Amino acid sequence: MLVQPFNENVKTMLSNLNNNLPDSRFIFIDSSRMFQEILLNARSLGFTDVTEGCCGLGRNRGQITCLPLQRPCPNRNQYVFWDAFHPTEAVNILMGRMAFSGNTNFVYPINIQQLAQL
């Protein structure tokens, strides 16, 4: 995945910024890694559909984005994807929690909760 080497370079850059600007704090939220973790553990997190969009048309309900007046699926909290491009609200809530209190696999060098306590 192309994003991983880029993200590692960003983490190095942020470490340098934190060392060179002691009155500032920079953190990195690895949304790509978070999303991959959610996909790997989707079933245990309560998601029943990891391939189709909740609102859209065409193959996997993802070829055409949700149109005005189109009814989305009634159980959106069980879908990973809203449409072909976007995660559902349930996934975004999980990612927000991971950013707030997650470990350094997802938020580096500290999470948002730790940052707020400085």
Protein backbone atom coordinates (compact mmCIF):
# COMPACT_ATOMS: atom_id res chain seq x y z
CA MET A 1 0.00 0.00 0.00
CA LEU A 2 1.52 3.32 -1.08
CA VAL A 3 0.23 5.25 1.90
CA GLN A 4 2.30 3.33 4.46
CA PRO A 5 5.78 4.61 3.45
CA PHE A 6 4.37 8.12 3.22
CA ASN A 7 2.85 7.84 6.70
CA GLU A 8 6.15 6.61 8.16
CA ASN A 9 7.88 9.67 6.72
CA VAL A 10 5.20 11.92 8.21
CA LYS A 11 5.77 10.33 11.63
CA THR A 12 9.50 11.04 11.33
CA MET A 13 8.79 14.62 10.34
CA LEU A 14 6.44 15.07 13.31
CA SER A 15 9.07 13.69 15.69
CA ASN A 16 11.51 16.28 14.35
CA LEU A 17 8.95 19.06 14.72
CA ASN A 18 8.17 18.02 18.29
CA ASN A 19 11.90 18.00 19.12
CA ASN A 20 12.64 21.32 17.43
CA LEU A 21 9.54 23.19 18.59
CA PRO A 22 9.24 22.33 22.29
CA ASP A 23 6.30 24.70 22.87
CA SER A 24 4.25 22.89 20.23
CA ARG A 25 2.80 19.39 20.06
CA PHE A 26 2.14 17.56 16.83
CA ILE A 27 0.39 14.21 16.54
CA PHE A 28 -0.28 11.92 13.62
CA ILE A 29 -3.58 10.09 13.22
CA ASP A 30 -3.17 7.11 10.91
CA SER A 31 -6.67 6.86 9.47
CA SER A 32 -5.51 4.35 6.86
CA ARG A 33 -4.30 1.92 9.51
CA MET A 34 -7.46 2.50 11.55
CA PHE A 35 -9.65 1.69 8.57
CA GLN A 36 -7.66 -1.46 7.77
CA GLU A 37 -8.03 -2.59 11.40
CA ILE A 38 -11.78 -2.03 11.24
CA LEU A 39 -12.02 -4.02 8.00
CA LEU A 40 -10.02 -6.89 9.50
CA ASN A 41 -12.23 -7.02 12.58
CA ALA A 42 -15.51 -5.93 11.01
CA ARG A 43 -17.58 -8.91 12.13
CA SER A 44 -16.47 -8.69 15.76
CA LEU A 45 -17.23 -4.96 15.70
CA GLY A 46 -20.82 -5.63 14.65
CA PHE A 47 -20.60 -4.99 10.92
CA THR A 48 -22.46 -7.49 8.79
CA ASP A 49 -21.67 -6.00 5.37
CA VAL A 50 -18.12 -5.12 4.39
CA THR A 51 -18.48 -5.11 0.60
CA GLU A 52 -21.62 -3.18 -0.34
CA GLY A 53 -22.49 0.45 0.11
CA CYS A 54 -25.45 1.38 2.26
CA CYS A 55 -26.65 3.93 -0.26
CA GLY A 56 -25.80 3.83 -3.93
CA LEU A 57 -26.58 2.12 -7.21
CA GLY A 58 -24.89 -0.46 -9.38
CA ARG A 59 -22.43 -3.18 -8.48
CA ASN A 60 -22.17 -3.53 -4.70
CA ARG A 61 -24.35 -0.43 -4.43
CA GLY A 62 -21.22 1.55 -5.05
CA GLN A 63 -20.93 2.53 -8.68
CA ILE A 64 -23.16 5.58 -8.38
CA THR A 65 -23.14 7.56 -5.15
CA CYS A 66 -26.34 7.95 -3.15
CA LEU A 67 -28.76 10.16 -5.08
CA PRO A 68 -31.22 12.70 -3.69
CA LEU A 69 -34.40 11.03 -2.41
CA GLN A 70 -32.79 7.59 -2.60
CA ARG A 71 -33.48 5.52 0.50
CA PRO A 72 -30.39 4.25 2.30
CA CYS A 73 -30.31 0.85 3.94
CA PRO A 74 -32.33 0.72 7.18
CA ASN A 75 -29.47 -0.79 9.20
CA ARG A 76 -26.62 1.59 8.35
CA ASN A 77 -24.74 0.87 11.57
CA GLN A 78 -24.05 -2.64 10.20
CA TYR A 79 -22.35 -1.38 7.02
CA VAL A 80 -18.71 -0.36 6.69
CA PHE A 81 -19.29 1.64 3.50
CA TRP A 82 -21.85 4.38 3.00
CA ASP A 83 -21.18 4.52 -0.74
CA ALA A 84 -18.31 3.68 -3.04
CA PHE A 85 -15.96 6.14 -1.35
CA HIS A 86 -17.04 6.92 2.19
CA PRO A 87 -17.26 5.01 5.46
CA THR A 88 -20.51 5.00 7.41
CA GLU A 89 -21.16 7.06 10.52
CA ALA A 90 -20.55 3.91 12.61
CA VAL A 91 -17.04 3.56 11.15
CA ASN A 92 -16.32 7.26 11.67
CA ILE A 93 -17.39 6.98 15.31
CA LEU A 94 -14.99 4.07 15.82
CA MET A 95 -12.17 5.97 14.13
CA GLY A 96 -12.88 8.99 16.32
CA ARG A 97 -12.65 6.84 19.43
CA MET A 98 -9.41 5.31 18.19
CA ALA A 99 -7.96 8.78 17.60
CA PHE A 100 -9.09 9.99 21.01
CA SER A 101 -7.88 7.11 23.15
CA GLY A 102 -6.08 4.69 20.82
CA ASN A 103 -2.55 3.37 21.08
CA THR A 104 0.51 4.39 19.08
CA ASN A 105 -0.41 1.99 16.27
CA PHE A 106 -3.06 4.52 15.32
CA VAL A 107 -2.09 7.85 16.92
CA TYR A 108 1.54 8.91 17.26
CA PRO A 109 3.31 9.84 19.51
CA ILE A 110 0.32 10.32 21.82
CA ASN A 111 -3.45 10.21 21.40
CA ILE A 112 -5.84 13.17 21.56
CA GLN A 113 -6.85 12.41 25.15
CA GLN A 114 -3.20 12.51 26.25
CA LEU A 115 -2.61 15.66 24.21
CA ALA A 116 -5.54 17.39 25.92
CA GLN A 117 -4.05 16.59 29.33
CA LEU A 118 -0.73 18.35 28.61
